[in-house]
Amino acid sequence: MSLEPLILALNHNPRNLDLLIKILGNEGYEVVGVLDPAELDREVELRKKINLVLMDISGFNRSVWESCEHLRILEIPFLVLSPHHHHAVEKQSMVYGANGFLVKPLVVKELLILIKSLIEE
């Protein structure tokens, strides 16, 4: 069993997901990547301790918010990643319980600082 903090990462783009897994893995995190919200929900049910979820909402329909609501109810911290900065989407993210909202392209250093602060809470 791994002692590294566990991060689930949702992204519809396999290439971007692989890149994120590699970056976070190099920082000592165990990362499980998923390609759709249903797969994310299954992983949440299977895993005992999830430290953080990174949810790239681009490419998904409104049902992605149901996954956010599920995470909020389970008190699993999550960050919403979006390709555009829309105040309505940022507000909706916070309503559904997001611990932060980041606009792509991501600045890796900022992402890592935010992840570390959320995991250490």
PDB file of N, CA and C in Angstrom:
ATOM      1  N   MET A   1       0.838  -1.187   0.000  1.00  0.00           N
ATOM      2  CA  MET A   1       0.000   0.000   0.000  1.00  0.00           C
ATOM      3  C   MET A   1       0.878   1.245   0.000  1.00  0.00           C
ATOM      4  N   SER A   2       0.542   2.199  -0.820  1.00  0.00           N
ATOM      5  CA  SER A   2       1.330   3.404  -0.999  1.00  0.00           C
ATOM      6  C   SER A   2       1.070   4.413   0.117  1.00  0.00           C
ATOM      7  N   LEU A   3       2.131   5.103   0.538  1.00  0.00           N
ATOM      8  CA  LEU A   3       1.990   6.141   1.546  1.00  0.00           C
ATOM      9  C   LEU A   3       1.927   7.527   0.933  1.00  0.00           C
ATOM     10  N   GLU A   4       2.134   7.621  -0.389  1.00  0.00           N
ATOM     11  CA  GLU A   4       2.061   8.917  -1.041  1.00  0.00           C
ATOM     12  C   GLU A   4       0.624   9.411  -1.024  1.00  0.00           C
ATOM     13  N   PRO A   5       0.442  10.739  -0.942  1.00  0.00           N
ATOM     14  CA  PRO A   5      -0.916  11.272  -1.039  1.00  0.00           C
ATOM     15  C   PRO A   5      -1.550  10.865  -2.371  1.00  0.00           C
ATOM     16  N   LEU A   6      -2.821  10.498  -2.330  1.00  0.00           N
ATOM     17  CA  LEU A   6      -3.529  10.044  -3.526  1.00  0.00           C
ATOM     18  C   LEU A   6      -4.336  11.182  -4.136  1.00  0.00           C
ATOM     19  N   ILE A   7      -4.097  11.418  -5.411  1.00  0.00           N
ATOM     20  CA  ILE A   7      -4.832  12.418  -6.177  1.00  0.00           C
ATOM     21  C   ILE A   7      -5.541  11.714  -7.319  1.00  0.00           C
ATOM     22  N   LEU A   8      -6.837  11.975  -7.465  1.00  0.00           N
ATOM     23  CA  LEU A   8      -7.569  11.530  -8.646  1.00  0.00           C
ATOM     24  C   LEU A   8      -7.607  12.702  -9.611  1.00  0.00           C
ATOM     25  N   ALA A   9      -7.349  12.424 -10.880  1.00  0.00           N
ATOM     26  CA  ALA A   9      -7.342  13.476 -11.896  1.00  0.00           C
ATOM     27  C   ALA A   9      -8.315  13.115 -13.008  1.00  0.00           C
ATOM     28  N   LEU A  10      -9.254  14.011 -13.274  1.00  0.00           N
ATOM     29  CA  LEU A  10     -10.239  13.837 -14.343  1.00  0.00           C
ATOM     30  C   LEU A  10      -9.876  14.753 -15.501  1.00  0.00           C
ATOM     31  N   ASN A  11      -9.736  14.157 -16.686  1.00  0.00           N
ATOM     32  CA  ASN A  11      -9.459  14.938 -17.891  1.00  0.00           C
ATOM     33  C   ASN A  11      -9.892  14.114 -19.088  1.00  0.00           C
ATOM     34  N   HIS A  12     -10.622  14.709 -20.017  1.00  0.00           N
ATOM     35  CA  HIS A  12     -11.100  13.962 -21.187  1.00  0.00           C
ATOM     36  C   HIS A  12     -10.005  13.734 -22.222  1.00  0.00           C
ATOM     37  N   ASN A  13      -8.887  14.441 -22.082  1.00  0.00           N
ATOM     38  CA  ASN A  13      -7.790  14.346 -23.039  1.00  0.00           C
ATOM     39  C   ASN A  13      -6.693  13.433 -22.474  1.00  0.00           C
ATOM     40  N   PRO A  14      -6.528  12.228 -23.036  1.00  0.00           N
ATOM     41  CA  PRO A  14      -5.536  11.285 -22.489  1.00  0.00           C
ATOM     42  C   PRO A  14      -4.116  11.848 -22.452  1.00  0.00           C
ATOM     43  N   ARG A  15      -3.739  12.631 -23.438  1.00  0.00           N
ATOM     44  CA  ARG A  15      -2.379  13.195 -23.474  1.00  0.00           C
ATOM     45  C   ARG A  15      -2.170  14.163 -22.306  1.00  0.00           C
ATOM     46  N   ASN A  16      -3.135  15.041 -22.082  1.00  0.00           N
ATOM     47  CA  ASN A  16      -3.023  15.979 -20.961  1.00  0.00           C
ATOM     48  C   ASN A  16      -3.057  15.250 -19.622  1.00  0.00           C
ATOM     49  N   LEU A  17      -3.870  14.216 -19.546  1.00  0.00           N
ATOM     50  CA  LEU A  17      -3.961  13.422 -18.323  1.00  0.00           C
ATOM     51  C   LEU A  17      -2.625  12.744 -18.023  1.00  0.00           C
ATOM     52  N   ASP A  18      -2.012  12.158 -19.040  1.00  0.00           N
ATOM     53  CA  ASP A  18      -0.705  11.514 -18.855  1.00  0.00           C
ATOM     54  C   ASP A  18       0.351  12.518 -18.398  1.00  0.00           C
ATOM     55  N   LEU A  19       0.323  13.714 -18.969  1.00  0.00           N
ATOM     56  CA  LEU A  19       1.281  14.749 -18.588  1.00  0.00           C
ATOM     57  C   LEU A  19       1.089  15.150 -17.125  1.00  0.00           C
ATOM     58  N   LEU A  20      -0.147  15.329 -16.721  1.00  0.00           N
ATOM     59  CA  LEU A  20      -0.442  15.688 -15.335  1.00  0.00           C
ATOM     60  C   LEU A  20      -0.007  14.581 -14.376  1.00  0.00           C
ATOM     61  N   ILE A  21      -0.274  13.338 -14.743  1.00  0.00           N
ATOM     62  CA  ILE A  21       0.143  12.199 -13.918  1.00  0.00           C
ATOM     63  C   ILE A  21       1.660  12.178 -13.761  1.00  0.00           C
ATOM     64  N   LYS A  22       2.373  12.440 -14.843  1.00  0.00           N
ATOM     65  CA  LYS A  22       3.842  12.434 -14.799  1.00  0.00           C
ATOM     66  C   LYS A  22       4.369  13.564 -13.910  1.00  0.00           C
ATOM     67  N   ILE A  23       3.829  14.759 -14.091  1.00  0.00           N
ATOM     68  CA  ILE A  23       4.283  15.905 -13.294  1.00  0.00           C
ATOM     69  C   ILE A  23       4.046  15.657 -11.807  1.00  0.00           C
ATOM     70  N   LEU A  24       2.848  15.230 -11.465  1.00  0.00           N
ATOM     71  CA  LEU A  24       2.524  15.019 -10.051  1.00  0.00           C
ATOM     72  C   LEU A  24       3.242  13.800  -9.476  1.00  0.00           C
ATOM     73  N   GLY A  25       3.423  12.775 -10.294  1.00  0.00           N
ATOM     74  CA  GLY A  25       4.178  11.603  -9.862  1.00  0.00           C
ATOM     75  C   GLY A  25       5.613  11.957  -9.520  1.00  0.00           C
ATOM     76  N   ASN A  26       6.207  12.842 -10.314  1.00  0.00           N
ATOM     77  CA  ASN A  26       7.576  13.292 -10.046  1.00  0.00           C
ATOM     78  C   ASN A  26       7.679  14.091  -8.749  1.00  0.00           C
ATOM     79  N   GLU A  27       6.551  14.595  -8.272  1.00  0.00           N
ATOM     80  CA  GLU A  27       6.521  15.350  -7.013  1.00  0.00           C
ATOM     81  C   GLU A  27       6.182  14.465  -5.815  1.00  0.00           C
ATOM     82  N   GLY A  28       6.060  13.156  -6.055  1.00  0.00           N
ATOM     83  CA  GLY A  28       5.824  12.228  -4.954  1.00  0.00           C
ATOM     84  C   GLY A  28       4.369  11.896  -4.681  1.00  0.00           C
ATOM     85  N   TYR A  29       3.488  12.268  -5.604  1.00  0.00           N
ATOM     86  CA  TYR A  29       2.073  11.954  -5.425  1.00  0.00           C
ATOM     87  C   TYR A  29       1.716  10.692  -6.188  1.00  0.00           C
ATOM     88  N   GLU A  30       0.806   9.913  -5.612  1.00  0.00           N
ATOM     89  CA  GLU A  30       0.213   8.804  -6.342  1.00  0.00           C
ATOM     90  C   GLU A  30      -0.984   9.390  -7.082  1.00  0.00           C
ATOM     91  N   VAL A  31      -1.028   9.218  -8.394  1.00  0.00           N
ATOM     92  CA  VAL A  31      -2.087   9.823  -9.196  1.00  0.00           C
ATOM     93  C   VAL A  31      -2.816   8.743  -9.980  1.00  0.00           C
ATOM     94  N   VAL A  32      -4.138   8.762  -9.881  1.00  0.00           N
ATOM     95  CA  VAL A  32      -4.987   7.881 -10.672  1.00  0.00           C
ATOM     96  C   VAL A  32      -5.743   8.771 -11.643  1.00  0.00           C
ATOM     97  N   GLY A  33      -5.574   8.508 -12.930  1.00  0.00           N
ATOM     98  CA  GLY A  33      -6.236   9.302 -13.949  1.00  0.00           C
ATOM     99  C   GLY A  33      -7.498   8.634 -14.445  1.00  0.00           C
ATOM    100  N   VAL A  34      -8.523   9.444 -14.675  1.00  0.00           N
ATOM    101  CA  VAL A  34      -9.788   8.955 -15.224  1.00  0.00           C
ATOM    102  C   VAL A  34     -10.215   9.874 -16.358  1.00  0.00           C
ATOM    103  N   LEU A  35     -10.946   9.293 -17.317  1.00  0.00           N
ATOM    104  CA  LEU A  35     -11.309  10.028 -18.524  1.00  0.00           C
ATOM    105  C   LEU A  35     -12.748  10.532 -18.555  1.00  0.00           C
ATOM    106  N   ASP A  36     -13.566  10.123 -17.590  1.00  0.00           N
ATOM    107  CA  ASP A  36     -14.949  10.613 -17.581  1.00  0.00           C
ATOM    108  C   ASP A  36     -15.496  10.625 -16.153  1.00  0.00           C
ATOM    109  N   PRO A  37     -16.534  11.429 -15.907  1.00  0.00           N
ATOM    110  CA  PRO A  37     -17.078  11.547 -14.550  1.00  0.00           C
ATOM    111  C   PRO A  37     -17.583  10.230 -13.966  1.00  0.00           C
ATOM    112  N   ALA A  38     -18.137   9.350 -14.785  1.00  0.00           N
ATOM    113  CA  ALA A  38     -18.617   8.058 -14.262  1.00  0.00           C
ATOM    114  C   ALA A  38     -17.452   7.239 -13.718  1.00  0.00           C
ATOM    115  N   GLU A  39     -16.332   7.268 -14.429  1.00  0.00           N
ATOM    116  CA  GLU A  39     -15.134   6.559 -13.970  1.00  0.00           C
ATOM    117  C   GLU A  39     -14.609   7.199 -12.680  1.00  0.00           C
ATOM    118  N   LEU A  40     -14.667   8.513 -12.600  1.00  0.00           N
ATOM    119  CA  LEU A  40     -14.267   9.211 -11.383  1.00  0.00           C
ATOM    120  C   LEU A  40     -15.121   8.754 -10.205  1.00  0.00           C
ATOM    121  N   ASP A  41     -16.428   8.712 -10.413  1.00  0.00           N
ATOM    122  CA  ASP A  41     -17.332   8.286  -9.340  1.00  0.00           C
ATOM    123  C   ASP A  41     -17.026   6.863  -8.878  1.00  0.00           C
ATOM    124  N   ARG A  42     -16.697   5.977  -9.820  1.00  0.00           N
ATOM    125  CA  ARG A  42     -16.340   4.592  -9.454  1.00  0.00           C
ATOM    126  C   ARG A  42     -15.070   4.567  -8.607  1.00  0.00           C
ATOM    127  N   GLU A  43     -14.063   5.336  -9.012  1.00  0.00           N
ATOM    128  CA  GLU A  43     -12.803   5.376  -8.256  1.00  0.00           C
ATOM    129  C   GLU A  43     -13.021   5.935  -6.853  1.00  0.00           C
ATOM    130  N   VAL A  44     -13.870   6.938  -6.739  1.00  0.00           N
ATOM    131  CA  VAL A  44     -14.164   7.519  -5.426  1.00  0.00           C
ATOM    132  C   VAL A  44     -14.767   6.460  -4.510  1.00  0.00           C
ATOM    133  N   GLU A  45     -15.629   5.629  -5.055  1.00  0.00           N
ATOM    134  CA  GLU A  45     -16.253   4.576  -4.249  1.00  0.00           C
ATOM    135  C   GLU A  45     -15.263   3.466  -3.883  1.00  0.00           C
ATOM    136  N   LEU A  46     -14.283   3.206  -4.743  1.00  0.00           N
ATOM    137  CA  LEU A  46     -13.320   2.121  -4.516  1.00  0.00           C
ATOM    138  C   LEU A  46     -12.204   2.494  -3.543  1.00  0.00           C
ATOM    139  N   ARG A  47     -11.803   3.748  -3.551  1.00  0.00           N
ATOM    140  CA  ARG A  47     -10.630   4.178  -2.781  1.00  0.00           C
ATOM    141  C   ARG A  47     -11.016   4.538  -1.356  1.00  0.00           C
ATOM    142  N   LYS A  48     -10.147   4.162  -0.412  1.00  0.00           N
ATOM    143  CA  LYS A  48     -10.423   4.457   0.993  1.00  0.00           C
ATOM    144  C   LYS A  48     -10.066   5.898   1.352  1.00  0.00           C
ATOM    145  N   LYS A  49      -8.920   6.360   0.882  1.00  0.00           N
ATOM    146  CA  LYS A  49      -8.444   7.697   1.258  1.00  0.00           C
ATOM    147  C   LYS A  49      -7.991   8.448   0.015  1.00  0.00           C
ATOM    148  N   ILE A  50      -8.776   9.435  -0.367  1.00  0.00           N
ATOM    149  CA  ILE A  50      -8.423  10.304  -1.488  1.00  0.00           C
ATOM    150  C   ILE A  50      -8.080  11.661  -0.894  1.00  0.00           C
ATOM    151  N   ASN A  51      -6.880  12.136  -1.188  1.00  0.00           N
ATOM    152  CA  ASN A  51      -6.447  13.406  -0.630  1.00  0.00           C
ATOM    153  C   ASN A  51      -6.958  14.608  -1.419  1.00  0.00           C
ATOM    154  N   LEU A  52      -7.138  14.422  -2.741  1.00  0.00           N
ATOM    155  CA  LEU A  52      -7.523  15.549  -3.586  1.00  0.00           C
ATOM    156  C   LEU A  52      -8.000  15.030  -4.935  1.00  0.00           C
ATOM    157  N   VAL A  53      -8.926  15.774  -5.550  1.00  0.00           N
ATOM    158  CA  VAL A  53      -9.360  15.476  -6.914  1.00  0.00           C
ATOM    159  C   VAL A  53      -9.124  16.720  -7.757  1.00  0.00           C
ATOM    160  N   LEU A  54      -8.518  16.526  -8.920  1.00  0.00           N
ATOM    161  CA  LEU A  54      -8.355  17.591  -9.909  1.00  0.00           C
ATOM    162  C   LEU A  54      -9.360  17.329 -11.013  1.00  0.00           C
ATOM    163  N   MET A  55     -10.307  18.246 -11.202  1.00  0.00           N
ATOM    164  CA  MET A  55     -11.392  18.044 -12.165  1.00  0.00           C
ATOM    165  C   MET A  55     -11.284  19.047 -13.301  1.00  0.00           C
ATOM    166  N   ASP A  56     -10.798  18.582 -14.437  1.00  0.00           N
ATOM    167  CA  ASP A  56     -10.800  19.417 -15.635  1.00  0.00           C
ATOM    168  C   ASP A  56     -12.190  19.283 -16.248  1.00  0.00           C
ATOM    169  N   ILE A  57     -12.977  20.341 -16.175  1.00  0.00           N
ATOM    170  CA  ILE A  57     -14.377  20.260 -16.590  1.00  0.00           C
ATOM    171  C   ILE A  57     -14.575  20.423 -18.092  1.00  0.00           C
ATOM    172  N   SER A  58     -13.526  20.775 -18.820  1.00  0.00           N
ATOM    173  CA  SER A  58     -13.694  20.968 -20.261  1.00  0.00           C
ATOM    174  C   SER A  58     -13.989  19.641 -20.944  1.00  0.00           C
ATOM    175  N   GLY A  59     -14.881  19.690 -21.917  1.00  0.00           N
ATOM    176  CA  GLY A  59     -15.214  18.495 -22.676  1.00  0.00           C
ATOM    177  C   GLY A  59     -16.306  17.644 -22.066  1.00  0.00           C
ATOM    178  N   PHE A  60     -16.875  18.083 -20.942  1.00  0.00           N
ATOM    179  CA  PHE A  60     -17.935  17.319 -20.290  1.00  0.00           C
ATOM    180  C   PHE A  60     -19.223  18.129 -20.261  1.00  0.00           C
ATOM    181  N   ASN A  61     -20.338  17.415 -20.176  1.00  0.00           N
ATOM    182  CA  ASN A  61     -21.616  18.117 -20.066  1.00  0.00           C
ATOM    183  C   ASN A  61     -21.866  18.486 -18.605  1.00  0.00           C
ATOM    184  N   ARG A  62     -23.028  19.012 -18.345  1.00  0.00           N
ATOM    185  CA  ARG A  62     -23.354  19.505 -17.004  1.00  0.00           C
ATOM    186  C   ARG A  62     -23.356  18.414 -15.934  1.00  0.00           C
ATOM    187  N   SER A  63     -23.363  17.164 -16.336  1.00  0.00           N
ATOM    188  CA  SER A  63     -23.362  16.080 -15.342  1.00  0.00           C
ATOM    189  C   SER A  63     -22.077  16.058 -14.515  1.00  0.00           C
ATOM    190  N   VAL A  64     -21.032  16.725 -14.992  1.00  0.00           N
ATOM    191  CA  VAL A  64     -19.787  16.788 -14.221  1.00  0.00           C
ATOM    192  C   VAL A  64     -20.038  17.445 -12.855  1.00  0.00           C
ATOM    193  N   TRP A  65     -21.038  18.330 -12.791  1.00  0.00           N
ATOM    194  CA  TRP A  65     -21.347  18.991 -11.523  1.00  0.00           C
ATOM    195  C   TRP A  65     -21.914  18.011 -10.506  1.00  0.00           C
ATOM    196  N   GLU A  66     -22.548  16.940 -10.970  1.00  0.00           N
ATOM    197  CA  GLU A  66     -23.035  15.914 -10.045  1.00  0.00           C
ATOM    198  C   GLU A  66     -21.861  15.242  -9.337  1.00  0.00           C
ATOM    199  N   SER A  67     -20.779  15.023 -10.074  1.00  0.00           N
ATOM    200  CA  SER A  67     -19.574  14.454  -9.452  1.00  0.00           C
ATOM    201  C   SER A  67     -18.995  15.424  -8.427  1.00  0.00           C
ATOM    202  N   CYS A  68     -19.025  16.713  -8.750  1.00  0.00           N
ATOM    203  CA  CYS A  68     -18.550  17.722  -7.797  1.00  0.00           C
ATOM    204  C   CYS A  68     -19.387  17.694  -6.522  1.00  0.00           C
ATOM    205  N   GLU A  69     -20.689  17.606  -6.690  1.00  0.00           N
ATOM    206  CA  GLU A  69     -21.591  17.553  -5.535  1.00  0.00           C
ATOM    207  C   GLU A  69     -21.301  16.319  -4.674  1.00  0.00           C
ATOM    208  N   HIS A  70     -21.043  15.197  -5.322  1.00  0.00           N
ATOM    209  CA  HIS A  70     -20.718  13.960  -4.607  1.00  0.00           C
ATOM    210  C   HIS A  70     -19.438  14.140  -3.790  1.00  0.00           C
ATOM    211  N   LEU A  71     -18.422  14.767  -4.382  1.00  0.00           N
ATOM    212  CA  LEU A  71     -17.169  15.017  -3.666  1.00  0.00           C
ATOM    213  C   LEU A  71     -17.406  15.930  -2.463  1.00  0.00           C
ATOM    214  N   ARG A  72     -18.231  16.951  -2.657  1.00  0.00           N
ATOM    215  CA  ARG A  72     -18.530  17.878  -1.561  1.00  0.00           C
ATOM    216  C   ARG A  72     -19.185  17.139  -0.396  1.00  0.00           C
ATOM    217  N   ILE A  73     -20.156  16.298  -0.707  1.00  0.00           N
ATOM    218  CA  ILE A  73     -20.858  15.536   0.332  1.00  0.00           C
ATOM    219  C   ILE A  73     -19.893  14.626   1.088  1.00  0.00           C
ATOM    220  N   LEU A  74     -18.955  14.017   0.358  1.00  0.00           N
ATOM    221  CA  LEU A  74     -17.975  13.123   0.976  1.00  0.00           C
ATOM    222  C   LEU A  74     -16.819  13.875   1.630  1.00  0.00           C
ATOM    223  N   GLU A  75     -16.821  15.200   1.500  1.00  0.00           N
ATOM    224  CA  GLU A  75     -15.778  16.066   2.056  1.00  0.00           C
ATOM    225  C   GLU A  75     -14.401  15.750   1.490  1.00  0.00           C
ATOM    226  N   ILE A  76     -14.360  15.462   0.195  1.00  0.00           N
ATOM    227  CA  ILE A  76     -13.091  15.253  -0.512  1.00  0.00           C
ATOM    228  C   ILE A  76     -12.746  16.566  -1.203  1.00  0.00           C
ATOM    229  N   PRO A  77     -11.607  17.160  -0.875  1.00  0.00           N
ATOM    230  CA  PRO A  77     -11.258  18.427  -1.513  1.00  0.00           C
ATOM    231  C   PRO A  77     -11.023  18.247  -3.015  1.00  0.00           C
ATOM    232  N   PHE A  78     -11.421  19.265  -3.780  1.00  0.00           N
ATOM    233  CA  PHE A  78     -11.190  19.204  -5.221  1.00  0.00           C
ATOM    234  C   PHE A  78     -10.978  20.590  -5.809  1.00  0.00           C
ATOM    235  N   LEU A  79     -10.212  20.599  -6.883  1.00  0.00           N
ATOM    236  CA  LEU A  79      -9.957  21.805  -7.664  1.00  0.00           C
ATOM    237  C   LEU A  79     -10.621  21.646  -9.016  1.00  0.00           C
ATOM    238  N   VAL A  80     -11.226  22.712  -9.502  1.00  0.00           N
ATOM    239  CA  VAL A  80     -11.815  22.714 -10.836  1.00  0.00           C
ATOM    240  C   VAL A  80     -10.846  23.413 -11.778  1.00  0.00           C
ATOM    241  N   LEU A  81     -10.560  22.752 -12.896  1.00  0.00           N
ATOM    242  CA  LEU A  81      -9.703  23.307 -13.939  1.00  0.00           C
ATOM    243  C   LEU A  81     -10.583  23.620 -15.137  1.00  0.00           C
ATOM    244  N   SER A  82     -10.401  24.810 -15.711  1.00  0.00           N
ATOM    245  CA  SER A  82     -11.246  25.234 -16.821  1.00  0.00           C
ATOM    246  C   SER A  82     -10.391  25.891 -17.904  1.00  0.00           C
ATOM    247  N   PRO A  83     -10.784  25.729 -19.174  1.00  0.00           N
ATOM    248  CA  PRO A  83     -10.012  26.348 -20.248  1.00  0.00           C
ATOM    249  C   PRO A  83     -10.224  27.859 -20.344  1.00  0.00           C
ATOM    250  N   HIS A  84     -11.272  28.364 -19.705  1.00  0.00           N
ATOM    251  CA  HIS A  84     -11.582  29.791 -19.785  1.00  0.00           C
ATOM    252  C   HIS A  84     -11.964  30.305 -18.407  1.00  0.00           C
ATOM    253  N   HIS A  85     -11.707  31.592 -18.200  1.00  0.00           N
ATOM    254  CA  HIS A  85     -12.110  32.189 -16.931  1.00  0.00           C
ATOM    255  C   HIS A  85     -13.464  32.850 -17.103  1.00  0.00           C
ATOM    256  N   HIS A  86     -14.494  32.117 -16.748  1.00  0.00           N
ATOM    257  CA  HIS A  86     -15.855  32.641 -16.739  1.00  0.00           C
ATOM    258  C   HIS A  86     -16.281  32.746 -15.286  1.00  0.00           C
ATOM    259  N   HIS A  87     -16.715  33.944 -14.897  1.00  0.00           N
ATOM    260  CA  HIS A  87     -17.123  34.132 -13.500  1.00  0.00           C
ATOM    261  C   HIS A  87     -18.266  33.202 -13.119  1.00  0.00           C
ATOM    262  N   ALA A  88     -19.179  32.942 -14.064  1.00  0.00           N
ATOM    263  CA  ALA A  88     -20.313  32.056 -13.760  1.00  0.00           C
ATOM    264  C   ALA A  88     -19.839  30.634 -13.463  1.00  0.00           C
ATOM    265  N   VAL A  89     -18.850  30.153 -14.224  1.00  0.00           N
ATOM    266  CA  VAL A  89     -18.329  28.802 -14.004  1.00  0.00           C
ATOM    267  C   VAL A  89     -17.547  28.750 -12.694  1.00  0.00           C
ATOM    268  N   GLU A  90     -16.774  29.790 -12.430  1.00  0.00           N
ATOM    269  CA  GLU A  90     -16.035  29.837 -11.168  1.00  0.00           C
ATOM    270  C   GLU A  90     -17.009  29.847  -9.987  1.00  0.00           C
ATOM    271  N   LYS A  91     -18.058  30.647 -10.089  1.00  0.00           N
ATOM    272  CA  LYS A  91     -19.059  30.704  -9.020  1.00  0.00           C
ATOM    273  C   LYS A  91     -19.748  29.352  -8.852  1.00  0.00           C
ATOM    274  N   GLN A  92     -20.101  28.721  -9.966  1.00  0.00           N
ATOM    275  CA  GLN A  92     -20.752  27.411  -9.897  1.00  0.00           C
ATOM    276  C   GLN A  92     -19.822  26.389  -9.243  1.00  0.00           C
ATOM    277  N   SER A  93     -18.536  26.474  -9.555  1.00  0.00           N
ATOM    278  CA  SER A  93     -17.554  25.576  -8.942  1.00  0.00           C
ATOM    279  C   SER A  93     -17.567  25.712  -7.426  1.00  0.00           C
ATOM    280  N   MET A  94     -17.607  26.944  -6.959  1.00  0.00           N
ATOM    281  CA  MET A  94     -17.607  27.183  -5.518  1.00  0.00           C
ATOM    282  C   MET A  94     -18.923  26.724  -4.879  1.00  0.00           C
ATOM    283  N   VAL A  95     -20.037  26.930  -5.578  1.00  0.00           N
ATOM    284  CA  VAL A  95     -21.331  26.474  -5.061  1.00  0.00           C
ATOM    285  C   VAL A  95     -21.318  24.964  -4.859  1.00  0.00           C
ATOM    286  N   TYR A  96     -20.661  24.245  -5.781  1.00  0.00           N
ATOM    287  CA  TYR A  96     -20.601  22.788  -5.678  1.00  0.00           C
ATOM    288  C   TYR A  96     -19.491  22.307  -4.752  1.00  0.00           C
ATOM    289  N   GLY A  97     -18.773  23.236  -4.119  1.00  0.00           N
ATOM    290  CA  GLY A  97     -17.825  22.857  -3.085  1.00  0.00           C
ATOM    291  C   GLY A  97     -16.363  22.840  -3.466  1.00  0.00           C
ATOM    292  N   ALA A  98     -16.023  23.369  -4.633  1.00  0.00           N
ATOM    293  CA  ALA A  98     -14.615  23.364  -5.048  1.00  0.00           C
ATOM    294  C   ALA A  98     -13.759  24.147  -4.061  1.00  0.00           C
ATOM    295  N   ASN A  99     -12.549  23.658  -3.851  1.00  0.00           N
ATOM    296  CA  ASN A  99     -11.593  24.332  -2.985  1.00  0.00           C
ATOM    297  C   ASN A  99     -10.738  25.321  -3.754  1.00  0.00           C
ATOM    298  N   GLY A 100     -10.934  25.382  -5.052  1.00  0.00           N
ATOM    299  CA  GLY A 100     -10.196  26.315  -5.882  1.00  0.00           C
ATOM    300  C   GLY A 100     -10.598  26.173  -7.333  1.00  0.00           C
ATOM    301  N   PHE A 101     -10.247  27.184  -8.118  1.00  0.00           N
ATOM    302  CA  PHE A 101     -10.587  27.243  -9.534  1.00  0.00           C
ATOM    303  C   PHE A 101      -9.351  27.726 -10.273  1.00  0.00           C
ATOM    304  N   LEU A 102      -8.876  26.936 -11.221  1.00  0.00           N
ATOM    305  CA  LEU A 102      -7.689  27.297 -11.990  1.00  0.00           C
ATOM    306  C   LEU A 102      -8.023  27.332 -13.470  1.00  0.00           C
ATOM    307  N   VAL A 103      -7.411  28.289 -14.167  1.00  0.00           N
ATOM    308  CA  VAL A 103      -7.621  28.439 -15.601  1.00  0.00           C
ATOM    309  C   VAL A 103      -6.403  27.891 -16.332  1.00  0.00           C
ATOM    310  N   LYS A 104      -6.682  27.103 -17.375  1.00  0.00           N
ATOM    311  CA  LYS A 104      -5.615  26.548 -18.203  1.00  0.00           C
ATOM    312  C   LYS A 104      -5.167  27.603 -19.215  1.00  0.00           C
ATOM    313  N   PRO A 105      -3.928  27.568 -19.654  1.00  0.00           N
ATOM    314  CA  PRO A 105      -2.924  26.572 -19.287  1.00  0.00           C
ATOM    315  C   PRO A 105      -2.456  26.775 -17.841  1.00  0.00           C
ATOM    316  N   LEU A 106      -2.205  25.657 -17.191  1.00  0.00           N
ATOM    317  CA  LEU A 106      -1.806  25.685 -15.792  1.00  0.00           C
ATOM    318  C   LEU A 106      -0.355  26.114 -15.640  1.00  0.00           C
ATOM    319  N   VAL A 107      -0.100  26.856 -14.592  1.00  0.00           N
ATOM    320  CA  VAL A 107       1.266  27.175 -14.198  1.00  0.00           C
ATOM    321  C   VAL A 107       1.635  26.113 -13.164  1.00  0.00           C
ATOM    322  N   VAL A 108       2.549  25.228 -13.532  1.00  0.00           N
ATOM    323  CA  VAL A 108       2.844  24.054 -12.710  1.00  0.00           C
ATOM    324  C   VAL A 108       3.236  24.437 -11.289  1.00  0.00           C
ATOM    325  N   LYS A 109       4.077  25.434 -11.152  1.00  0.00           N
ATOM    326  CA  LYS A 109       4.536  25.835  -9.817  1.00  0.00           C
ATOM    327  C   LYS A 109       3.351  26.252  -8.940  1.00  0.00           C
ATOM    328  N   GLU A 110       2.424  27.030  -9.494  1.00  0.00           N
ATOM    329  CA  GLU A 110       1.244  27.458  -8.737  1.00  0.00           C
ATOM    330  C   GLU A 110       0.352  26.266  -8.392  1.00  0.00           C
ATOM    331  N   LEU A 111       0.179  25.356  -9.352  1.00  0.00           N
ATOM    332  CA  LEU A 111      -0.626  24.161  -9.109  1.00  0.00           C
ATOM    333  C   LEU A 111      -0.040  23.350  -7.962  1.00  0.00           C
ATOM    334  N   LEU A 112       1.262  23.149  -7.970  1.00  0.00           N
ATOM    335  CA  LEU A 112       1.909  22.353  -6.931  1.00  0.00           C
ATOM    336  C   LEU A 112       1.785  22.998  -5.552  1.00  0.00           C
ATOM    337  N   ILE A 113       1.904  24.314  -5.491  1.00  0.00           N
ATOM    338  CA  ILE A 113       1.748  25.021  -4.212  1.00  0.00           C
ATOM    339  C   ILE A 113       0.331  24.849  -3.684  1.00  0.00           C
ATOM    340  N   LEU A 114      -0.654  24.990  -4.563  1.00  0.00           N
ATOM    341  CA  LEU A 114      -2.051  24.842  -4.160  1.00  0.00           C
ATOM    342  C   LEU A 114      -2.349  23.413  -3.715  1.00  0.00           C
ATOM    343  N   ILE A 115      -1.853  22.439  -4.467  1.00  0.00           N
ATOM    344  CA  ILE A 115      -2.053  21.034  -4.096  1.00  0.00           C
ATOM    345  C   ILE A 115      -1.458  20.757  -2.720  1.00  0.00           C
ATOM    346  N   LYS A 116      -0.235  21.210  -2.520  1.00  0.00           N
ATOM    347  CA  LYS A 116       0.429  20.971  -1.237  1.00  0.00           C
ATOM    348  C   LYS A 116      -0.357  21.593  -0.090  1.00  0.00           C
ATOM    349  N   SER A 117      -0.839  22.807  -0.285  1.00  0.00           N
ATOM    350  CA  SER A 117      -1.580  23.463   0.800  1.00  0.00           C
ATOM    351  C   SER A 117      -2.894  22.742   1.100  1.00  0.00           C
ATOM    352  N   LEU A 118      -3.571  22.225   0.083  1.00  0.00           N
ATOM    353  CA  LEU A 118      -4.833  21.513   0.306  1.00  0.00           C
ATOM    354  C   LEU A 118      -4.616  20.153   0.957  1.00  0.00           C
ATOM    355  N   ILE A 119      -3.562  19.472   0.568  1.00  0.00           N
ATOM    356  CA  ILE A 119      -3.299  18.143   1.128  1.00  0.00           C
ATOM    357  C   ILE A 119      -2.826  18.234   2.575  1.00  0.00           C
ATOM    358  N   GLU A 120      -2.132  19.304   2.903  1.00  0.00           N
ATOM    359  CA  GLU A 120      -1.619  19.447   4.269  1.00  0.00           C
ATOM    360  C   GLU A 120      -2.646  20.003   5.240  1.00  0.00           C
ATOM    361  N   GLU A 121      -3.816  20.425   4.750  1.00  0.00           N
ATOM    362  CA  GLU A 121      -4.848  20.988   5.644  1.00  0.00           C
ATOM    363  C   GLU A 121      -5.334  19.971   6.640  1.00  0.00           C
TER     364      GLU A 121
END
